[in-house]
Amino acid sequence: MQEDDISIQKRKKQEILNALGGLVYQERARLSKGINTFSYEYDIGNGLLSRLEKGNIDTKITTLWKLANAFGYKCSDFVKLIEENLPNEFNFYN
């Protein structure tokens, strides 16, 4: 893989992480829950949640599933919301 391809993929990954983080922050605020309360109630570490909201880390599918359910969504619907926060026709490879 060429250097340009690697940097494009890193940028695309960061876009996904930022979209996820923004959505998690927005939904947590909608529930009027602080990070500590939310993380305790839904068994998601508060440090993990904080880094996730900032787009600093990737997450496991099980954490994504917990988040979706905590906000009242099916996981597939939650992923659709993430997609809505990405540019039109977003594609990881171009």
PDB file of N, CA and C in Angstrom:
ATOM      1  N   MET A   1       0.836  -1.176   0.000  1.00  0.00           N
ATOM      2  CA  MET A   1       0.000   0.000   0.000  1.00  0.00           C
ATOM      3  C   MET A   1       0.884   1.244   0.000  1.00  0.00           C
ATOM      4  N   GLN A   2       0.543   2.206  -0.790  1.00  0.00           N
ATOM      5  CA  GLN A   2       1.343   3.414  -0.894  1.00  0.00           C
ATOM      6  C   GLN A   2       1.111   4.331   0.302  1.00  0.00           C
ATOM      7  N   GLU A   3       2.086   5.201   0.522  1.00  0.00           N
ATOM      8  CA  GLU A   3       2.016   6.143   1.646  1.00  0.00           C
ATOM      9  C   GLU A   3       0.749   6.998   1.587  1.00  0.00           C
ATOM     10  N   ASP A   4       0.371   7.462   0.395  1.00  0.00           N
ATOM     11  CA  ASP A   4      -0.837   8.285   0.270  1.00  0.00           C
ATOM     12  C   ASP A   4      -2.078   7.511   0.689  1.00  0.00           C
ATOM     13  N   ASP A   5      -2.138   6.227   0.302  1.00  0.00           N
ATOM     14  CA  ASP A   5      -3.280   5.394   0.678  1.00  0.00           C
ATOM     15  C   ASP A   5      -3.378   5.247   2.191  1.00  0.00           C
ATOM     16  N   ILE A   6      -2.240   5.094   2.840  1.00  0.00           N
ATOM     17  CA  ILE A   6      -2.222   4.939   4.295  1.00  0.00           C
ATOM     18  C   ILE A   6      -2.706   6.220   4.968  1.00  0.00           C
ATOM     19  N   SER A   7      -2.251   7.360   4.514  1.00  0.00           N
ATOM     20  CA  SER A   7      -2.677   8.620   5.134  1.00  0.00           C
ATOM     21  C   SER A   7      -4.157   8.894   4.855  1.00  0.00           C
ATOM     22  N   ILE A   8      -4.644   8.507   3.689  1.00  0.00           N
ATOM     23  CA  ILE A   8      -6.073   8.669   3.390  1.00  0.00           C
ATOM     24  C   ILE A   8      -6.896   7.794   4.322  1.00  0.00           C
ATOM     25  N   GLN A   9      -6.457   6.549   4.523  1.00  0.00           N
ATOM     26  CA  GLN A   9      -7.198   5.657   5.410  1.00  0.00           C
ATOM     27  C   GLN A   9      -7.173   6.142   6.854  1.00  0.00           C
ATOM     28  N   LYS A  10      -6.056   6.701   7.289  1.00  0.00           N
ATOM     29  CA  LYS A  10      -5.995   7.266   8.644  1.00  0.00           C
ATOM     30  C   LYS A  10      -6.972   8.421   8.785  1.00  0.00           C
ATOM     31  N   ARG A  11      -7.044   9.260   7.768  1.00  0.00           N
ATOM     32  CA  ARG A  11      -7.960  10.405   7.786  1.00  0.00           C
ATOM     33  C   ARG A  11      -9.409   9.923   7.792  1.00  0.00           C
ATOM     34  N   LYS A  12      -9.705   8.915   6.986  1.00  0.00           N
ATOM     35  CA  LYS A  12     -11.065   8.368   6.922  1.00  0.00           C
ATOM     36  C   LYS A  12     -11.452   7.735   8.264  1.00  0.00           C
ATOM     37  N   LYS A  13     -10.528   7.003   8.857  1.00  0.00           N
ATOM     38  CA  LYS A  13     -10.795   6.400  10.163  1.00  0.00           C
ATOM     39  C   LYS A  13     -11.103   7.488  11.179  1.00  0.00           C
ATOM     40  N   GLN A  14     -10.330   8.569  11.158  1.00  0.00           N
ATOM     41  CA  GLN A  14     -10.558   9.661  12.103  1.00  0.00           C
ATOM     42  C   GLN A  14     -11.919  10.312  11.869  1.00  0.00           C
ATOM     43  N   GLU A  15     -12.344  10.416  10.624  1.00  0.00           N
ATOM     44  CA  GLU A  15     -13.679  10.955  10.340  1.00  0.00           C
ATOM     45  C   GLU A  15     -14.762  10.090  10.973  1.00  0.00           C
ATOM     46  N   ILE A  16     -14.605   8.774  10.876  1.00  0.00           N
ATOM     47  CA  ILE A  16     -15.574   7.860  11.479  1.00  0.00           C
ATOM     48  C   ILE A  16     -15.569   8.011  12.998  1.00  0.00           C
ATOM     49  N   LEU A  17     -14.379   8.048  13.591  1.00  0.00           N
ATOM     50  CA  LEU A  17     -14.279   8.185  15.047  1.00  0.00           C
ATOM     51  C   LEU A  17     -14.877   9.507  15.520  1.00  0.00           C
ATOM     52  N   ASN A  18     -14.662  10.574  14.771  1.00  0.00           N
ATOM     53  CA  ASN A  18     -15.232  11.872  15.136  1.00  0.00           C
ATOM     54  C   ASN A  18     -16.752  11.858  15.017  1.00  0.00           C
ATOM     55  N   ALA A  19     -17.276  11.202  13.976  1.00  0.00           N
ATOM     56  CA  ALA A  19     -18.732  11.111  13.810  1.00  0.00           C
ATOM     57  C   ALA A  19     -19.348  10.316  14.957  1.00  0.00           C
ATOM     58  N   LEU A  20     -18.720   9.212  15.315  1.00  0.00           N
ATOM     59  CA  LEU A  20     -19.196   8.400  16.436  1.00  0.00           C
ATOM     60  C   LEU A  20     -19.129   9.193  17.732  1.00  0.00           C
ATOM     61  N   GLY A  21     -17.992   9.823  17.994  1.00  0.00           N
ATOM     62  CA  GLY A  21     -17.819  10.584  19.225  1.00  0.00           C
ATOM     63  C   GLY A  21     -18.813  11.713  19.371  1.00  0.00           C
ATOM     64  N   GLY A  22     -19.038  12.430  18.283  1.00  0.00           N
ATOM     65  CA  GLY A  22     -20.009  13.518  18.309  1.00  0.00           C
ATOM     66  C   GLY A  22     -21.416  13.025  18.586  1.00  0.00           C
ATOM     67  N   LEU A  23     -21.766  11.902  17.979  1.00  0.00           N
ATOM     68  CA  LEU A  23     -23.090  11.326  18.190  1.00  0.00           C
ATOM     69  C   LEU A  23     -23.253  10.852  19.627  1.00  0.00           C
ATOM     70  N   VAL A  24     -22.248  10.200  20.172  1.00  0.00           N
ATOM     71  CA  VAL A  24     -22.322   9.721  21.559  1.00  0.00           C
ATOM     72  C   VAL A  24     -22.488  10.905  22.509  1.00  0.00           C
ATOM     73  N   TYR A  25     -21.705  11.952  22.299  1.00  0.00           N
ATOM     74  CA  TYR A  25     -21.814  13.147  23.148  1.00  0.00           C
ATOM     75  C   TYR A  25     -23.216  13.758  23.044  1.00  0.00           C
ATOM     76  N   GLN A  26     -23.707  13.892  21.826  1.00  0.00           N
ATOM     77  CA  GLN A  26     -25.026  14.481  21.589  1.00  0.00           C
ATOM     78  C   GLN A  26     -26.125  13.654  22.252  1.00  0.00           C
ATOM     79  N   GLU A  27     -26.071  12.350  22.103  1.00  0.00           N
ATOM     80  CA  GLU A  27     -27.097  11.484  22.682  1.00  0.00           C
ATOM     81  C   GLU A  27     -27.018  11.453  24.209  1.00  0.00           C
ATOM     82  N   ARG A  28     -25.818  11.473  24.743  1.00  0.00           N
ATOM     83  CA  ARG A  28     -25.666  11.499  26.212  1.00  0.00           C
ATOM     84  C   ARG A  28     -26.230  12.802  26.761  1.00  0.00           C
ATOM     85  N   ALA A  29     -25.976  13.893  26.055  1.00  0.00           N
ATOM     86  CA  ALA A  29     -26.524  15.192  26.474  1.00  0.00           C
ATOM     87  C   ALA A  29     -28.052  15.190  26.389  1.00  0.00           C
ATOM     88  N   ARG A  30     -28.587  14.529  25.369  1.00  0.00           N
ATOM     89  CA  ARG A  30     -30.044  14.436  25.216  1.00  0.00           C
ATOM     90  C   ARG A  30     -30.664  13.743  26.429  1.00  0.00           C
ATOM     91  N   LEU A  31     -29.940  12.772  26.978  1.00  0.00           N
ATOM     92  CA  LEU A  31     -30.419  12.072  28.171  1.00  0.00           C
ATOM     93  C   LEU A  31     -30.129  12.840  29.456  1.00  0.00           C
ATOM     94  N   SER A  32     -29.438  13.969  29.336  1.00  0.00           N
ATOM     95  CA  SER A  32     -29.057  14.792  30.488  1.00  0.00           C
ATOM     96  C   SER A  32     -28.284  13.986  31.526  1.00  0.00           C
ATOM     97  N   LYS A  33     -27.312  13.215  31.047  1.00  0.00           N
ATOM     98  CA  LYS A  33     -26.496  12.396  31.946  1.00  0.00           C
ATOM     99  C   LYS A  33     -25.044  12.819  31.836  1.00  0.00           C
ATOM    100  N   GLY A  34     -24.420  12.999  32.996  1.00  0.00           N
ATOM    101  CA  GLY A  34     -22.993  13.270  33.019  1.00  0.00           C
ATOM    102  C   GLY A  34     -22.223  12.010  32.646  1.00  0.00           C
ATOM    103  N   ILE A  35     -20.961  12.187  32.352  1.00  0.00           N
ATOM    104  CA  ILE A  35     -20.129  11.060  31.923  1.00  0.00           C
ATOM    105  C   ILE A  35     -20.060   9.984  33.002  1.00  0.00           C
ATOM    106  N   ASN A  36     -19.896  10.369  34.265  1.00  0.00           N
ATOM    107  CA  ASN A  36     -19.783   9.386  35.345  1.00  0.00           C
ATOM    108  C   ASN A  36     -21.083   8.608  35.549  1.00  0.00           C
ATOM    109  N   THR A  37     -22.195   9.315  35.544  1.00  0.00           N
ATOM    110  CA  THR A  37     -23.491   8.657  35.721  1.00  0.00           C
ATOM    111  C   THR A  37     -23.770   7.709  34.570  1.00  0.00           C
ATOM    112  N   PHE A  38     -23.588   8.201  33.353  1.00  0.00           N
ATOM    113  CA  PHE A  38     -23.852   7.384  32.172  1.00  0.00           C
ATOM    114  C   PHE A  38     -22.962   6.144  32.155  1.00  0.00           C
ATOM    115  N   SER A  39     -21.683   6.337  32.399  1.00  0.00           N
ATOM    116  CA  SER A  39     -20.758   5.206  32.341  1.00  0.00           C
ATOM    117  C   SER A  39     -21.089   4.169  33.413  1.00  0.00           C
ATOM    118  N   TYR A  40     -21.509   4.615  34.591  1.00  0.00           N
ATOM    119  CA  TYR A  40     -21.878   3.689  35.659  1.00  0.00           C
ATOM    120  C   TYR A  40     -23.152   2.924  35.293  1.00  0.00           C
ATOM    121  N   GLU A  41     -24.164   3.649  34.827  1.00  0.00           N
ATOM    122  CA  GLU A  41     -25.455   3.027  34.535  1.00  0.00           C
ATOM    123  C   GLU A  41     -25.376   2.019  33.391  1.00  0.00           C
ATOM    124  N   TYR A  42     -24.470   2.242  32.449  1.00  0.00           N
ATOM    125  CA  TYR A  42     -24.427   1.383  31.262  1.00  0.00           C
ATOM    126  C   TYR A  42     -23.147   0.567  31.161  1.00  0.00           C
ATOM    127  N   ASP A  43     -22.382   0.501  32.243  1.00  0.00           N
ATOM    128  CA  ASP A  43     -21.196  -0.352  32.329  1.00  0.00           C
ATOM    129  C   ASP A  43     -20.199  -0.083  31.199  1.00  0.00           C
ATOM    130  N   ILE A  44     -19.911   1.194  31.013  1.00  0.00           N
ATOM    131  CA  ILE A  44     -18.901   1.623  30.042  1.00  0.00           C
ATOM    132  C   ILE A  44     -17.958   2.534  30.819  1.00  0.00           C
ATOM    133  N   GLY A  45     -16.689   2.207  30.845  1.00  0.00           N
ATOM    134  CA  GLY A  45     -15.742   2.992  31.623  1.00  0.00           C
ATOM    135  C   GLY A  45     -15.783   4.474  31.273  1.00  0.00           C
ATOM    136  N   ASN A  46     -15.721   5.324  32.300  1.00  0.00           N
ATOM    137  CA  ASN A  46     -15.819   6.763  32.024  1.00  0.00           C
ATOM    138  C   ASN A  46     -14.613   7.287  31.243  1.00  0.00           C
ATOM    139  N   GLY A  47     -13.429   6.718  31.464  1.00  0.00           N
ATOM    140  CA  GLY A  47     -12.265   7.117  30.671  1.00  0.00           C
ATOM    141  C   GLY A  47     -12.438   6.723  29.219  1.00  0.00           C
ATOM    142  N   LEU A  48     -12.937   5.507  28.993  1.00  0.00           N
ATOM    143  CA  LEU A  48     -13.214   5.038  27.637  1.00  0.00           C
ATOM    144  C   LEU A  48     -14.238   5.935  26.966  1.00  0.00           C
ATOM    145  N   LEU A  49     -15.296   6.240  27.677  1.00  0.00           N
ATOM    146  CA  LEU A  49     -16.364   7.078  27.135  1.00  0.00           C
ATOM    147  C   LEU A  49     -15.838   8.468  26.781  1.00  0.00           C
ATOM    148  N   SER A  50     -15.034   9.046  27.642  1.00  0.00           N
ATOM    149  CA  SER A  50     -14.463  10.363  27.392  1.00  0.00           C
ATOM    150  C   SER A  50     -13.585  10.361  26.141  1.00  0.00           C
ATOM    151  N   ARG A  51     -12.699   9.383  26.034  1.00  0.00           N
ATOM    152  CA  ARG A  51     -11.818   9.301  24.860  1.00  0.00           C
ATOM    153  C   ARG A  51     -12.611   9.022  23.589  1.00  0.00           C
ATOM    154  N   LEU A  52     -13.662   8.223  23.714  1.00  0.00           N
ATOM    155  CA  LEU A  52     -14.499   7.911  22.566  1.00  0.00           C
ATOM    156  C   LEU A  52     -15.222   9.164  22.070  1.00  0.00           C
ATOM    157  N   GLU A  53     -15.776   9.945  22.990  1.00  0.00           N
ATOM    158  CA  GLU A  53     -16.480  11.170  22.611  1.00  0.00           C
ATOM    159  C   GLU A  53     -15.553  12.176  21.929  1.00  0.00           C
ATOM    160  N   LYS A  54     -14.293  12.150  22.280  1.00  0.00           N
ATOM    161  CA  LYS A  54     -13.319  13.060  21.673  1.00  0.00           C
ATOM    162  C   LYS A  54     -12.756  12.525  20.362  1.00  0.00           C
ATOM    163  N   GLY A  55     -13.133  11.314  19.994  1.00  0.00           N
ATOM    164  CA  GLY A  55     -12.625  10.720  18.762  1.00  0.00           C
ATOM    165  C   GLY A  55     -11.199  10.232  18.879  1.00  0.00           C
ATOM    166  N   ASN A  56     -10.763   9.969  20.112  1.00  0.00           N
ATOM    167  CA  ASN A  56      -9.372   9.569  20.346  1.00  0.00           C
ATOM    168  C   ASN A  56      -9.124   8.064  20.258  1.00  0.00           C
ATOM    169  N   ILE A  57     -10.190   7.266  20.322  1.00  0.00           N
ATOM    170  CA  ILE A  57      -9.987   5.813  20.284  1.00  0.00           C
ATOM    171  C   ILE A  57     -11.055   5.148  19.430  1.00  0.00           C
ATOM    172  N   ASP A  58     -10.707   3.980  18.957  1.00  0.00           N
ATOM    173  CA  ASP A  58     -11.652   3.113  18.259  1.00  0.00           C
ATOM    174  C   ASP A  58     -12.394   2.331  19.333  1.00  0.00           C
ATOM    175  N   THR A  59     -13.450   1.664  18.970  1.00  0.00           N
ATOM    176  CA  THR A  59     -14.208   0.908  19.960  1.00  0.00           C
ATOM    177  C   THR A  59     -14.541  -0.487  19.457  1.00  0.00           C
ATOM    178  N   LYS A  60     -14.826  -1.365  20.378  1.00  0.00           N
ATOM    179  CA  LYS A  60     -15.241  -2.719  20.035  1.00  0.00           C
ATOM    180  C   LYS A  60     -16.724  -2.713  19.670  1.00  0.00           C
ATOM    181  N   ILE A  61     -17.118  -3.709  18.914  1.00  0.00           N
ATOM    182  CA  ILE A  61     -18.525  -3.819  18.528  1.00  0.00           C
ATOM    183  C   ILE A  61     -19.420  -3.968  19.751  1.00  0.00           C
ATOM    184  N   THR A  62     -18.948  -4.630  20.786  1.00  0.00           N
ATOM    185  CA  THR A  62     -19.779  -4.793  21.987  1.00  0.00           C
ATOM    186  C   THR A  62     -20.031  -3.453  22.673  1.00  0.00           C
ATOM    187  N   THR A  63     -19.042  -2.582  22.683  1.00  0.00           N
ATOM    188  CA  THR A  63     -19.238  -1.248  23.269  1.00  0.00           C
ATOM    189  C   THR A  63     -20.197  -0.436  22.406  1.00  0.00           C
ATOM    190  N   LEU A  64     -20.052  -0.537  21.103  1.00  0.00           N
ATOM    191  CA  LEU A  64     -20.961   0.157  20.189  1.00  0.00           C
ATOM    192  C   LEU A  64     -22.393  -0.318  20.424  1.00  0.00           C
ATOM    193  N   TRP A  65     -22.544  -1.603  20.621  1.00  0.00           N
ATOM    194  CA  TRP A  65     -23.872  -2.180  20.867  1.00  0.00           C
ATOM    195  C   TRP A  65     -24.447  -1.656  22.184  1.00  0.00           C
ATOM    196  N   LYS A  66     -23.629  -1.620  23.234  1.00  0.00           N
ATOM    197  CA  LYS A  66     -24.072  -1.080  24.525  1.00  0.00           C
ATOM    198  C   LYS A  66     -24.514   0.368  24.384  1.00  0.00           C
ATOM    199  N   LEU A  67     -23.719   1.155  23.668  1.00  0.00           N
ATOM    200  CA  LEU A  67     -24.066   2.565  23.478  1.00  0.00           C
ATOM    201  C   LEU A  67     -25.393   2.707  22.748  1.00  0.00           C
ATOM    202  N   ALA A  68     -25.557   1.963  21.674  1.00  0.00           N
ATOM    203  CA  ALA A  68     -26.807   2.036  20.912  1.00  0.00           C
ATOM    204  C   ALA A  68     -27.999   1.724  21.804  1.00  0.00           C
ATOM    205  N   ASN A  69     -27.910   0.640  22.558  1.00  0.00           N
ATOM    206  CA  ASN A  69     -29.004   0.253  23.437  1.00  0.00           C
ATOM    207  C   ASN A  69     -29.239   1.266  24.548  1.00  0.00           C
ATOM    208  N   ALA A  70     -28.172   1.852  25.075  1.00  0.00           N
ATOM    209  CA  ALA A  70     -28.305   2.862  26.128  1.00  0.00           C
ATOM    210  C   ALA A  70     -29.086   4.081  25.633  1.00  0.00           C
ATOM    211  N   PHE A  71     -28.929   4.391  24.349  1.00  0.00           N
ATOM    212  CA  PHE A  71     -29.629   5.542  23.769  1.00  0.00           C
ATOM    213  C   PHE A  71     -30.988   5.162  23.179  1.00  0.00           C
ATOM    214  N   GLY A  72     -31.356   3.883  23.297  1.00  0.00           N
ATOM    215  CA  GLY A  72     -32.668   3.453  22.830  1.00  0.00           C
ATOM    216  C   GLY A  72     -32.718   3.060  21.364  1.00  0.00           C
ATOM    217  N   TYR A  73     -31.571   2.738  20.771  1.00  0.00           N
ATOM    218  CA  TYR A  73     -31.506   2.361  19.360  1.00  0.00           C
ATOM    219  C   TYR A  73     -31.103   0.901  19.210  1.00  0.00           C
ATOM    220  N   LYS A  74     -31.505   0.313  18.096  1.00  0.00           N
ATOM    221  CA  LYS A  74     -30.888  -0.935  17.670  1.00  0.00           C
ATOM    222  C   LYS A  74     -29.505  -0.555  17.157  1.00  0.00           C
ATOM    223  N   CYS A  75     -28.556  -1.460  17.263  1.00  0.00           N
ATOM    224  CA  CYS A  75     -27.196  -1.156  16.838  1.00  0.00           C
ATOM    225  C   CYS A  75     -27.156  -0.717  15.372  1.00  0.00           C
ATOM    226  N   SER A  76     -27.897  -1.401  14.516  1.00  0.00           N
ATOM    227  CA  SER A  76     -27.894  -1.047  13.090  1.00  0.00           C
ATOM    228  C   SER A  76     -28.423   0.372  12.863  1.00  0.00           C
ATOM    229  N   ASP A  77     -29.424   0.775  13.619  1.00  0.00           N
ATOM    230  CA  ASP A  77     -29.947   2.142  13.494  1.00  0.00           C
ATOM    231  C   ASP A  77     -28.934   3.168  13.997  1.00  0.00           C
ATOM    232  N   PHE A  78     -28.209   2.806  15.040  1.00  0.00           N
ATOM    233  CA  PHE A  78     -27.179   3.697  15.574  1.00  0.00           C
ATOM    234  C   PHE A  78     -26.060   3.899  14.549  1.00  0.00           C
ATOM    235  N   VAL A  79     -25.686   2.821  13.877  1.00  0.00           N
ATOM    236  CA  VAL A  79     -24.656   2.927  12.832  1.00  0.00           C
ATOM    237  C   VAL A  79     -25.162   3.821  11.700  1.00  0.00           C
ATOM    238  N   LYS A  80     -26.436   3.738  11.384  1.00  0.00           N
ATOM    239  CA  LYS A  80     -27.010   4.616  10.346  1.00  0.00           C
ATOM    240  C   LYS A  80     -26.891   6.087  10.763  1.00  0.00           C
ATOM    241  N   LEU A  81     -27.095   6.362  12.038  1.00  0.00           N
ATOM    242  CA  LEU A  81     -26.937   7.738  12.527  1.00  0.00           C
ATOM    243  C   LEU A  81     -25.486   8.205  12.394  1.00  0.00           C
ATOM    244  N   ILE A  82     -24.554   7.299  12.658  1.00  0.00           N
ATOM    245  CA  ILE A  82     -23.135   7.638  12.472  1.00  0.00           C
ATOM    246  C   ILE A  82     -22.891   7.974  11.007  1.00  0.00           C
ATOM    247  N   GLU A  83     -23.435   7.142  10.112  1.00  0.00           N
ATOM    248  CA  GLU A  83     -23.272   7.383   8.678  1.00  0.00           C
ATOM    249  C   GLU A  83     -23.821   8.741   8.268  1.00  0.00           C
ATOM    250  N   GLU A  84     -24.924   9.156   8.881  1.00  0.00           N
ATOM    251  CA  GLU A  84     -25.522  10.457   8.562  1.00  0.00           C
ATOM    252  C   GLU A  84     -24.608  11.615   8.956  1.00  0.00           C
ATOM    253  N   ASN A  85     -23.692  11.377   9.878  1.00  0.00           N
ATOM    254  CA  ASN A  85     -22.756  12.418  10.308  1.00  0.00           C
ATOM    255  C   ASN A  85     -21.461  12.420   9.495  1.00  0.00           C
ATOM    256  N   LEU A  86     -21.392  11.572   8.489  1.00  0.00           N
ATOM    257  CA  LEU A  86     -20.230  11.515   7.597  1.00  0.00           C
ATOM    258  C   LEU A  86     -20.586  12.204   6.283  1.00  0.00           C
ATOM    259  N   PRO A  87     -19.576  12.606   5.511  1.00  0.00           N
ATOM    260  CA  PRO A  87     -19.870  13.229   4.209  1.00  0.00           C
ATOM    261  C   PRO A  87     -20.673  12.279   3.307  1.00  0.00           C
ATOM    262  N   ASN A  88     -21.454  12.858   2.397  1.00  0.00           N
ATOM    263  CA  ASN A  88     -22.200  12.045   1.438  1.00  0.00           C
ATOM    264  C   ASN A  88     -21.254  11.139   0.670  1.00  0.00           C
ATOM    265  N   GLU A  89     -21.731   9.945   0.373  1.00  0.00           N
ATOM    266  CA  GLU A  89     -20.949   8.974  -0.397  1.00  0.00           C
ATOM    267  C   GLU A  89     -19.620   8.634   0.268  1.00  0.00           C
ATOM    268  N   PHE A  90     -19.557   8.702   1.605  1.00  0.00           N
ATOM    269  CA  PHE A  90     -18.327   8.371   2.317  1.00  0.00           C
ATOM    270  C   PHE A  90     -17.916   6.949   1.990  1.00  0.00           C
ATOM    271  N   ASN A  91     -16.653   6.766   1.672  1.00  0.00           N
ATOM    272  CA  ASN A  91     -16.084   5.451   1.382  1.00  0.00           C
ATOM    273  C   ASN A  91     -14.711   5.411   2.012  1.00  0.00           C
ATOM    274  N   PHE A  92     -14.417   4.340   2.698  1.00  0.00           N
ATOM    275  CA  PHE A  92     -13.166   4.233   3.424  1.00  0.00           C
ATOM    276  C   PHE A  92     -11.940   4.237   2.514  1.00  0.00           C
ATOM    277  N   TYR A  93     -12.106   3.770   1.293  1.00  0.00           N
ATOM    278  CA  TYR A  93     -10.951   3.576   0.420  1.00  0.00           C
ATOM    279  C   TYR A  93     -10.785   4.601  -0.691  1.00  0.00           C
ATOM    280  N   ASN A  94     -11.628   5.593  -0.770  1.00  0.00           N
ATOM    281  CA  ASN A  94     -11.396   6.656  -1.764  1.00  0.00           C
ATOM    282  C   ASN A  94     -12.128   7.912  -1.393  1.00  0.00           C
TER     283      ASN A  94
END
